[in-house]
Structure formats: structure tokens, C-alpha cells
Full PDB file with SEQRES, HELIX, SHEET, SSBOND, CRYST1, ORIGX, SCALE, CONECT and MASTER records, all heavy atoms in Angstrom:
SEQRES   1 A   35  ASP ALA ALA ILE HIS PHE ALA ALA TYR LYS ALA PRO GLY          
SEQRES   2 A   35  GLU SER MET GLN ALA PRO GLY ARG TYR PHE ALA ASN ASN          
SEQRES   3 A   35  VAL THR GLY SER GLN VAL LEU ILE GLU                          
HELIX    1 AA1 PRO A   12  GLN A   17  1                                   6    
HELIX    2 AA2 PRO A   19  TYR A   22  1                                   4    
HELIX    3 AA3 PHE A   23  THR A   28  3                                   6    
HELIX    4 AA4 GLY A   29  ILE A   34  1                                   6    
CRYST1    1.000    1.000    1.000  90.00  90.00  90.00 P 1           1          
ORIGX1      1.000000  0.000000  0.000000        0.00000                         
ORIGX2      0.000000  1.000000  0.000000        0.00000                         
ORIGX3      0.000000  0.000000  1.000000        0.00000                         
SCALE1      1.000000  0.000000  0.000000        0.00000                         
SCALE2      0.000000  1.000000  0.000000        0.00000                         
SCALE3      0.000000  0.000000  1.000000        0.00000                         
ATOM      1  N   ASP A   1     107.652 110.422 122.381  1.00  0.00           N  
ATOM      2  CA  ASP A   1     107.632 111.885 122.452  1.00  0.00           C  
ATOM      3  C   ASP A   1     107.483 112.544 121.090  1.00  0.00           C  
ATOM      4  O   ASP A   1     107.497 113.764 120.983  1.00  0.00           O  
ATOM      5  CB  ASP A   1     108.874 112.420 123.163  1.00  0.00           C  
ATOM      6  CG  ASP A   1     110.143 112.260 122.357  1.00  0.00           C  
ATOM      7  OD1 ASP A   1     110.155 111.466 121.398  1.00  0.00           O  
ATOM      8  OD2 ASP A   1     111.142 112.926 122.690  1.00  0.00           O  
ATOM      9  N   ALA A   2     107.313 111.735 120.025  1.00  0.00           N  
ATOM     10  CA  ALA A   2     107.086 112.272 118.680  1.00  0.00           C  
ATOM     11  C   ALA A   2     106.369 111.207 117.862  1.00  0.00           C  
ATOM     12  O   ALA A   2     106.448 110.008 118.175  1.00  0.00           O  
ATOM     13  CB  ALA A   2     108.400 112.661 118.012  1.00  0.00           C  
ATOM     14  N   ALA A   3     105.667 111.646 116.827  1.00  0.00           N  
ATOM     15  CA  ALA A   3     104.935 110.707 115.986  1.00  0.00           C  
ATOM     16  C   ALA A   3     105.134 111.044 114.518  1.00  0.00           C  
ATOM     17  O   ALA A   3     105.236 112.220 114.139  1.00  0.00           O  
ATOM     18  CB  ALA A   3     103.446 110.727 116.324  1.00  0.00           C  
ATOM     19  N   ILE A   4     105.184 110.005 113.709  1.00  0.00           N  
ATOM     20  CA  ILE A   4     105.151 110.150 112.258  1.00  0.00           C  
ATOM     21  C   ILE A   4     103.911 109.395 111.800  1.00  0.00           C  
ATOM     22  O   ILE A   4     103.783 108.188 112.028  1.00  0.00           O  
ATOM     23  CB  ILE A   4     106.413 109.601 111.581  1.00  0.00           C  
ATOM     24  CG1 ILE A   4     107.659 110.287 112.149  1.00  0.00           C  
ATOM     25  CG2 ILE A   4     106.345 109.808 110.076  1.00  0.00           C  
ATOM     26  CD1 ILE A   4     108.976 109.807 111.542  1.00  0.00           C  
ATOM     27  N   HIS A   5     102.980 110.125 111.192  1.00  0.00           N  
ATOM     28  CA  HIS A   5     101.636 109.598 110.942  1.00  0.00           C  
ATOM     29  C   HIS A   5     101.419 109.285 109.468  1.00  0.00           C  
ATOM     30  O   HIS A   5     101.273 110.179 108.633  1.00  0.00           O  
ATOM     31  CB  HIS A   5     100.613 110.621 111.431  1.00  0.00           C  
ATOM     32  CG  HIS A   5      99.192 110.257 111.161  1.00  0.00           C  
ATOM     33  ND1 HIS A   5      98.731 108.952 111.153  1.00  0.00           N  
ATOM     34  CD2 HIS A   5      98.095 111.032 110.884  1.00  0.00           C  
ATOM     35  CE1 HIS A   5      97.452 108.941 110.876  1.00  0.00           C  
ATOM     36  NE2 HIS A   5      97.034 110.185 110.707  1.00  0.00           N  
ATOM     37  N   PHE A   6     101.396 107.972 109.163  1.00  0.00           N  
ATOM     38  CA  PHE A   6     101.126 107.494 107.807  1.00  0.00           C  
ATOM     39  C   PHE A   6      99.747 106.871 107.659  1.00  0.00           C  
ATOM     40  O   PHE A   6      99.201 106.843 106.559  1.00  0.00           O  
ATOM     41  CB  PHE A   6     102.138 106.416 107.398  1.00  0.00           C  
ATOM     42  CG  PHE A   6     103.549 106.881 107.293  1.00  0.00           C  
ATOM     43  CD1 PHE A   6     104.447 106.646 108.334  1.00  0.00           C  
ATOM     44  CD2 PHE A   6     104.008 107.549 106.179  1.00  0.00           C  
ATOM     45  CE1 PHE A   6     105.758 107.070 108.250  1.00  0.00           C  
ATOM     46  CE2 PHE A   6     105.322 107.983 106.081  1.00  0.00           C  
ATOM     47  CZ  PHE A   6     106.197 107.741 107.122  1.00  0.00           C  
ATOM     48  N   ALA A   7      99.214 106.304 108.739  1.00  0.00           N  
ATOM     49  CA  ALA A   7      98.038 105.433 108.653  1.00  0.00           C  
ATOM     50  C   ALA A   7      96.872 106.114 107.945  1.00  0.00           C  
ATOM     51  O   ALA A   7      96.310 107.077 108.452  1.00  0.00           O  
ATOM     52  CB  ALA A   7      97.631 104.988 110.049  1.00  0.00           C  
ATOM     53  N   ALA A   8      96.517 105.586 106.775  1.00  0.00           N  
ATOM     54  CA  ALA A   8      95.425 106.163 105.979  1.00  0.00           C  
ATOM     55  C   ALA A   8      95.176 105.271 104.775  1.00  0.00           C  
ATOM     56  O   ALA A   8      96.066 104.539 104.334  1.00  0.00           O  
ATOM     57  CB  ALA A   8      95.778 107.572 105.498  1.00  0.00           C  
ATOM     58  N   TYR A   9      93.952 105.346 104.252  1.00  0.00           N  
ATOM     59  CA  TYR A   9      93.695 104.789 102.928  1.00  0.00           C  
ATOM     60  C   TYR A   9      94.207 105.802 101.917  1.00  0.00           C  
ATOM     61  O   TYR A   9      94.122 107.011 102.139  1.00  0.00           O  
ATOM     62  CB  TYR A   9      92.207 104.553 102.727  1.00  0.00           C  
ATOM     63  CG  TYR A   9      91.607 103.522 103.654  1.00  0.00           C  
ATOM     64  CD1 TYR A   9      90.344 103.723 104.210  1.00  0.00           C  
ATOM     65  CD2 TYR A   9      92.278 102.346 103.970  1.00  0.00           C  
ATOM     66  CE1 TYR A   9      89.775 102.779 105.059  1.00  0.00           C  
ATOM     67  CE2 TYR A   9      91.725 101.400 104.815  1.00  0.00           C  
ATOM     68  CZ  TYR A   9      90.476 101.621 105.361  1.00  0.00           C  
ATOM     69  OH  TYR A   9      89.914 100.696 106.191  1.00  0.00           O  
ATOM     70  N   LYS A  10      94.709 105.313 100.756  1.00  0.00           N  
ATOM     71  CA  LYS A  10      95.432 106.254  99.920  1.00  0.00           C  
ATOM     72  C   LYS A  10      95.218 106.106  98.414  1.00  0.00           C  
ATOM     73  O   LYS A  10      96.059 106.534  97.631  1.00  0.00           O  
ATOM     74  CB  LYS A  10      96.931 106.175 100.227  1.00  0.00           C  
ATOM     75  CG  LYS A  10      97.589 104.863  99.844  1.00  0.00           C  
ATOM     76  CD  LYS A  10      99.075 104.903 100.174  1.00  0.00           C  
ATOM     77  CE  LYS A  10      99.892 103.966  99.329  1.00  0.00           C  
ATOM     78  NZ  LYS A  10      99.972 104.359  97.928  1.00  0.00           N  
ATOM     79  N   ALA A  11      94.108 105.561  97.993  1.00  0.00           N  
ATOM     80  CA  ALA A  11      93.850 105.430  96.555  1.00  0.00           C  
ATOM     81  C   ALA A  11      92.823 106.469  96.114  1.00  0.00           C  
ATOM     82  O   ALA A  11      91.655 106.381  96.503  1.00  0.00           O  
ATOM     83  CB  ALA A  11      93.355 104.028  96.234  1.00  0.00           C  
ATOM     84  N   PRO A  12      93.228 107.458  95.317  1.00  0.00           N  
ATOM     85  CA  PRO A  12      92.273 108.494  94.895  1.00  0.00           C  
ATOM     86  C   PRO A  12      91.030 107.935  94.216  1.00  0.00           C  
ATOM     87  O   PRO A  12      89.910 108.369  94.504  1.00  0.00           O  
ATOM     88  CB  PRO A  12      93.094 109.360  93.937  1.00  0.00           C  
ATOM     89  CG  PRO A  12      94.507 109.182  94.396  1.00  0.00           C  
ATOM     90  CD  PRO A  12      94.601 107.747  94.838  1.00  0.00           C  
ATOM     91  N   GLY A  13      91.214 106.963  93.314  1.00  0.00           N  
ATOM     92  CA  GLY A  13      90.066 106.396  92.617  1.00  0.00           C  
ATOM     93  C   GLY A  13      89.098 105.717  93.574  1.00  0.00           C  
ATOM     94  O   GLY A  13      87.879 105.911  93.489  1.00  0.00           O  
ATOM     95  N   GLU A  14      89.622 104.925  94.482  1.00  0.00           N  
ATOM     96  CA  GLU A  14      88.788 104.246  95.476  1.00  0.00           C  
ATOM     97  C   GLU A  14      88.045 105.256  96.347  1.00  0.00           C  
ATOM     98  O   GLU A  14      86.887 105.046  96.720  1.00  0.00           O  
ATOM     99  CB  GLU A  14      89.656 103.338  96.345  1.00  0.00           C  
ATOM    100  CG  GLU A  14      88.887 102.587  97.420  1.00  0.00           C  
ATOM    101  CD  GLU A  14      89.803 101.837  98.362  1.00  0.00           C  
ATOM    102  OE1 GLU A  14      90.647 102.486  99.032  1.00  0.00           O  
ATOM    103  OE2 GLU A  14      89.668 100.605  98.452  1.00  0.00           O  
ATOM    104  N   SER A  15      88.725 106.360  96.659  1.00  0.00           N  
ATOM    105  CA  SER A  15      88.111 107.360  97.534  1.00  0.00           C  
ATOM    106  C   SER A  15      86.877 107.988  96.900  1.00  0.00           C  
ATOM    107  O   SER A  15      85.967 108.431  97.607  1.00  0.00           O  
ATOM    108  CB  SER A  15      89.126 108.445  97.906  1.00  0.00           C  
ATOM    109  OG  SER A  15      89.332 109.372  96.851  1.00  0.00           O  
ATOM    110  N   MET A  16      86.843 108.037  95.576  1.00  0.00           N  
ATOM    111  CA  MET A  16      85.685 108.607  94.886  1.00  0.00           C  
ATOM    112  C   MET A  16      84.504 107.635  94.886  1.00  0.00           C  
ATOM    113  O   MET A  16      83.353 108.038  94.727  1.00  0.00           O  
ATOM    114  CB  MET A  16      86.058 108.977  93.452  1.00  0.00           C  
ATOM    115  CG  MET A  16      87.218 109.968  93.344  1.00  0.00           C  
ATOM    116  SD  MET A  16      86.865 111.575  94.061  1.00  0.00           S  
ATOM    117  CE  MET A  16      85.834 112.273  92.772  1.00  0.00           C  
ATOM    118  N   GLN A  17      84.801 106.361  95.074  1.00  0.00           N  
ATOM    119  CA  GLN A  17      83.746 105.346  95.125  1.00  0.00           C  
ATOM    120  C   GLN A  17      83.268 105.097  96.548  1.00  0.00           C  
ATOM    121  O   GLN A  17      82.122 104.683  96.764  1.00  0.00           O  
ATOM    122  CB  GLN A  17      84.275 104.039  94.521  1.00  0.00           C  
ATOM    123  CG  GLN A  17      84.676 104.164  93.068  1.00  0.00           C  
ATOM    124  CD  GLN A  17      85.478 102.969  92.580  1.00  0.00           C  
ATOM    125  OE1 GLN A  17      85.844 102.085  93.351  1.00  0.00           O  
ATOM    126  NE2 GLN A  17      85.756 102.944  91.287  1.00  0.00           N  
ATOM    127  N   ALA A  18      84.127 105.330  97.528  1.00  0.00           N  
ATOM    128  CA  ALA A  18      83.786 105.065  98.932  1.00  0.00           C  
ATOM    129  C   ALA A  18      84.205 106.250  99.808  1.00  0.00           C  
ATOM    130  O   ALA A  18      85.065 106.120 100.682  1.00  0.00           O  
ATOM    131  CB  ALA A  18      84.472 103.784  99.401  1.00  0.00           C  
ATOM    132  N   PRO A  19      83.605 107.422  99.582  1.00  0.00           N  
ATOM    133  CA  PRO A  19      84.037 108.615 100.320  1.00  0.00           C  
ATOM    134  C   PRO A  19      83.869 108.475 101.833  1.00  0.00           C  
ATOM    135  O   PRO A  19      84.706 108.949 102.608  1.00  0.00           O  
ATOM    136  CB  PRO A  19      83.162 109.731  99.752  1.00  0.00           C  
ATOM    137  CG  PRO A  19      81.983 109.043  99.141  1.00  0.00           C  
ATOM    138  CD  PRO A  19      82.503 107.740  98.635  1.00  0.00           C  
ATOM    139  N   GLY A  20      82.776 107.836 102.263  1.00  0.00           N  
ATOM    140  CA  GLY A  20      82.548 107.707 103.699  1.00  0.00           C  
ATOM    141  C   GLY A  20      83.658 106.947 104.391  1.00  0.00           C  
ATOM    142  O   GLY A  20      84.067 107.289 105.509  1.00  0.00           O  
ATOM    143  N   ARG A  21      84.139 105.927 103.730  1.00  0.00           N  
ATOM    144  CA  ARG A  21      85.226 105.127 104.301  1.00  0.00           C  
ATOM    145  C   ARG A  21      86.479 105.968 104.475  1.00  0.00           C  
ATOM    146  O   ARG A  21      87.188 105.871 105.486  1.00  0.00           O  
ATOM    147  CB  ARG A  21      85.496 103.945 103.376  1.00  0.00           C  
ATOM    148  CG  ARG A  21      86.442 102.924 103.932  1.00  0.00           C  
ATOM    149  CD  ARG A  21      86.640 101.804 102.931  1.00  0.00           C  
ATOM    150  NE  ARG A  21      87.313 100.675 103.549  1.00  0.00           N  
ATOM    151  CZ  ARG A  21      87.945  99.727 102.875  1.00  0.00           C  
ATOM    152  NH1 ARG A  21      87.964  99.787 101.554  1.00  0.00           N  
ATOM    153  NH2 ARG A  21      88.537  98.733 103.490  1.00  0.00           N  
ATOM    154  N   TYR A  22      86.763 106.831 103.510  1.00  0.00           N  
ATOM    155  CA  TYR A  22      87.969 107.664 103.570  1.00  0.00           C  
ATOM    156  C   TYR A  22      87.835 108.757 104.626  1.00  0.00           C  
ATOM    157  O   TYR A  22      88.780 109.029 105.362  1.00  0.00           O  
ATOM    158  CB  TYR A  22      88.270 108.250 102.185  1.00  0.00           C  
ATOM    159  CG  TYR A  22      89.128 107.310 101.369  1.00  0.00           C  
ATOM    160  CD1 TYR A  22      88.633 106.096 100.910  1.00  0.00           C  
ATOM    161  CD2 TYR A  22      90.455 107.622 101.075  1.00  0.00           C  
ATOM    162  CE1 TYR A  22      89.409 105.214 100.188  1.00  0.00           C  
ATOM    163  CE2 TYR A  22      91.253 106.749 100.341  1.00  0.00           C  
ATOM    164  CZ  TYR A  22      90.730 105.546  99.906  1.00  0.00           C  
ATOM    165  OH  TYR A  22      91.523 104.682  99.193  1.00  0.00           O  
ATOM    166  N   PHE A  23      86.665 109.376 104.709  1.00  0.00           N  
ATOM    167  CA  PHE A  23      86.492 110.405 105.735  1.00  0.00           C  
ATOM    168  C   PHE A  23      86.562 109.794 107.133  1.00  0.00           C  
ATOM    169  O   PHE A  23      87.156 110.363 108.045  1.00  0.00           O  
ATOM    170  CB  PHE A  23      85.168 111.147 105.532  1.00  0.00           C  
ATOM    171  CG  PHE A  23      85.197 112.126 104.391  1.00  0.00           C  
ATOM    172  CD1 PHE A  23      84.286 112.034 103.361  1.00  0.00           C  
ATOM    173  CD2 PHE A  23      86.143 113.146 104.354  1.00  0.00           C  
ATOM    174  CE1 PHE A  23      84.308 112.937 102.301  1.00  0.00           C  
ATOM    175  CE2 PHE A  23      86.177 114.055 103.304  1.00  0.00           C  
ATOM    176  CZ  PHE A  23      85.260 113.948 102.282  1.00  0.00           C  
ATOM    177  N   ALA A  24      85.964 108.618 107.313  1.00  0.00           N  
ATOM    178  CA  ALA A  24      85.970 107.980 108.630  1.00  0.00           C  
ATOM    179  C   ALA A  24      87.380 107.604 109.052  1.00  0.00           C  
ATOM    180  O   ALA A  24      87.795 107.853 110.193  1.00  0.00           O  
ATOM    181  CB  ALA A  24      85.067 106.743 108.616  1.00  0.00           C  
ATOM    182  N   ASN A  25      88.130 106.999 108.151  1.00  0.00           N  
ATOM    183  CA  ASN A  25      89.468 106.521 108.500  1.00  0.00           C  
ATOM    184  C   ASN A  25      90.495 107.640 108.508  1.00  0.00           C  
ATOM    185  O   ASN A  25      91.205 107.854 109.501  1.00  0.00           O  
ATOM    186  CB  ASN A  25      89.891 105.427 107.517  1.00  0.00           C  
ATOM    187  CG  ASN A  25      91.209 104.783 107.908  1.00  0.00           C  
ATOM    188  OD1 ASN A  25      91.294 104.101 108.926  1.00  0.00           O  
ATOM    189  ND2 ASN A  25      92.238 104.991 107.104  1.00  0.00           N  
ATOM    190  N   ASN A  26      90.578 108.368 107.406  1.00  0.00           N  
ATOM    191  CA  ASN A  26      91.657 109.341 107.249  1.00  0.00           C  
ATOM    192  C   ASN A  26      91.448 110.604 108.074  1.00  0.00           C  
ATOM    193  O   ASN A  26      92.416 111.215 108.534  1.00  0.00           O  
ATOM    194  CB  ASN A  26      91.800 109.740 105.774  1.00  0.00           C  
ATOM    195  CG  ASN A  26      92.274 108.599 104.898  1.00  0.00           C  
ATOM    196  OD1 ASN A  26      92.291 107.450 105.309  1.00  0.00           O  
ATOM    197  ND2 ASN A  26      92.631 108.910 103.673  1.00  0.00           N  
ATOM    198  N   VAL A  27      90.189 111.007 108.246  1.00  0.00           N  
ATOM    199  CA  VAL A  27      89.909 112.263 108.959  1.00  0.00           C  
ATOM    200  C   VAL A  27      89.531 112.001 110.417  1.00  0.00           C  
ATOM    201  O   VAL A  27      90.225 112.438 111.331  1.00  0.00           O  
ATOM    202  CB  VAL A  27      88.810 113.074 108.244  1.00  0.00           C  
ATOM    203  CG1 VAL A  27      88.525 114.364 109.010  1.00  0.00           C  
ATOM    204  CG2 VAL A  27      89.246 113.403 106.812  1.00  0.00           C  
ATOM    205  N   THR A  28      88.454 111.261 110.628  1.00  0.00           N  
ATOM    206  CA  THR A  28      88.032 111.013 112.012  1.00  0.00           C  
ATOM    207  C   THR A  28      89.108 110.257 112.786  1.00  0.00           C  
ATOM    208  O   THR A  28      89.435 110.620 113.922  1.00  0.00           O  
ATOM    209  CB  THR A  28      86.711 110.224 112.031  1.00  0.00           C  
ATOM    210  OG1 THR A  28      85.727 110.940 111.283  1.00  0.00           O  
ATOM    211  CG2 THR A  28      86.229 110.028 113.453  1.00  0.00           C  
ATOM    212  N   GLY A  29      89.668 109.229 112.184  1.00  0.00           N  
ATOM    213  CA  GLY A  29      90.724 108.473 112.854  1.00  0.00           C  
ATOM    214  C   GLY A  29      91.929 109.330 113.180  1.00  0.00           C  
ATOM    215  O   GLY A  29      92.486 109.269 114.283  1.00  0.00           O  
ATOM    216  N   SER A  30      92.324 110.179 112.242  1.00  0.00           N  
ATOM    217  CA  SER A  30      93.485 111.047 112.475  1.00  0.00           C  
ATOM    218  C   SER A  30      93.212 112.071 113.566  1.00  0.00           C  
ATOM    219  O   SER A  30      94.088 112.391 114.371  1.00  0.00           O  
ATOM    220  CB  SER A  30      93.882 111.763 111.177  1.00  0.00           C  
ATOM    221  OG  SER A  30      94.366 110.844 110.227  1.00  0.00           O  
ATOM    222  N   GLN A  31      91.986 112.601 113.592  1.00  0.00           N  
ATOM    223  CA  GLN A  31      91.657 113.579 114.632  1.00  0.00           C  
ATOM    224  C   GLN A  31      91.716 112.935 116.022  1.00  0.00           C  
ATOM    225  O   GLN A  31      92.238 113.533 116.972  1.00  0.00           O  
ATOM    226  CB  GLN A  31      90.271 114.174 114.375  1.00  0.00           C  
ATOM    227  CG  GLN A  31      89.942 115.387 115.252  1.00  0.00           C  
ATOM    228  CD  GLN A  31      89.449 114.994 116.625  1.00  0.00           C  
ATOM    229  OE1 GLN A  31      88.711 114.016 116.764  1.00  0.00           O  
ATOM    230  NE2 GLN A  31      89.855 115.725 117.647  1.00  0.00           N  
ATOM    231  N   VAL A  32      91.209 111.723 116.145  1.00  0.00           N  
ATOM    232  CA  VAL A  32      91.297 111.002 117.425  1.00  0.00           C  
ATOM    233  C   VAL A  32      92.758 110.793 117.810  1.00  0.00           C  
ATOM    234  O   VAL A  32      93.161 111.003 118.963  1.00  0.00           O  
ATOM    235  CB  VAL A  32      90.554 109.659 117.348  1.00  0.00           C  
ATOM    236  CG1 VAL A  32      90.831 108.820 118.604  1.00  0.00           C  
ATOM    237  CG2 VAL A  32      89.055 109.875 117.174  1.00  0.00           C  
ATOM    238  N   LEU A  33      93.568 110.385 116.841  1.00  0.00           N  
ATOM    239  CA  LEU A  33      94.989 110.185 117.094  1.00  0.00           C  
ATOM    240  C   LEU A  33      95.655 111.458 117.590  1.00  0.00           C  
ATOM    241  O   LEU A  33      96.367 111.454 118.611  1.00  0.00           O  
ATOM    242  CB  LEU A  33      95.683 109.709 115.812  1.00  0.00           C  
ATOM    243  CG  LEU A  33      97.221 109.661 115.864  1.00  0.00           C  
ATOM    244  CD1 LEU A  33      97.694 108.504 116.724  1.00  0.00           C  
ATOM    245  CD2 LEU A  33      97.809 109.570 114.452  1.00  0.00           C  
ATOM    246  N   ILE A  34      95.441 112.561 116.881  1.00  0.00           N  
ATOM    247  CA  ILE A  34      96.107 113.825 117.235  1.00  0.00           C  
ATOM    248  C   ILE A  34      95.659 114.304 118.614  1.00  0.00           C  
ATOM    249  O   ILE A  34      96.471 114.766 119.423  1.00  0.00           O  
ATOM    250  CB  ILE A  34      95.841 114.878 116.137  1.00  0.00           C  
ATOM    251  CG1 ILE A  34      96.489 114.442 114.814  1.00  0.00           C  
ATOM    252  CG2 ILE A  34      96.371 116.251 116.565  1.00  0.00           C  
ATOM    253  CD1 ILE A  34      95.943 115.165 113.596  1.00  0.00           C  
ATOM    254  N   GLU A  35      94.365 114.188 118.893  1.00  0.00           N  
ATOM    255  CA  GLU A  35      93.863 114.568 120.217  1.00  0.00           C  
ATOM    256  C   GLU A  35      94.495 113.710 121.308  1.00  0.00           C  
ATOM    257  O   GLU A  35      94.907 114.216 122.365  1.00  0.00           O  
ATOM    258  CB  GLU A  35      92.338 114.430 120.245  1.00  0.00           C  
ATOM    259  CG  GLU A  35      91.701 114.637 121.610  1.00  0.00           C  
ATOM    260  CD  GLU A  35      91.771 116.077 122.115  1.00  0.00           C  
ATOM    261  OE1 GLU A  35      92.087 116.994 121.317  1.00  0.00           O  
ATOM    262  OE2 GLU A  35      91.512 116.286 123.315  1.00  0.00           O  
TER     263      GLU A  35                                                      
MASTER        0    0    0    4    0    0    0    6  262    1    0    3          
END                                                                             
């Protein structure tokens, strides 16, 4: 009945080298989860 959401990639430097990976996992994945 409640969620605490941590699942994400979390390295700022890596995110600048692989932005697509971060948007796919952290954003698209989170939106699917929340929905």
C-alpha cells in the first residue's frame, strides 16, 4: 500500500557519457512504475 522508490542509475559523470541509458532507466522506468 506504499512504495519507497530508489531504483535508478546514480553517477552524474556516467550520465553525461550515456544520457540515453539514464533517461530510459531513471525516467521511463520510473514512469511505468508510478503508473
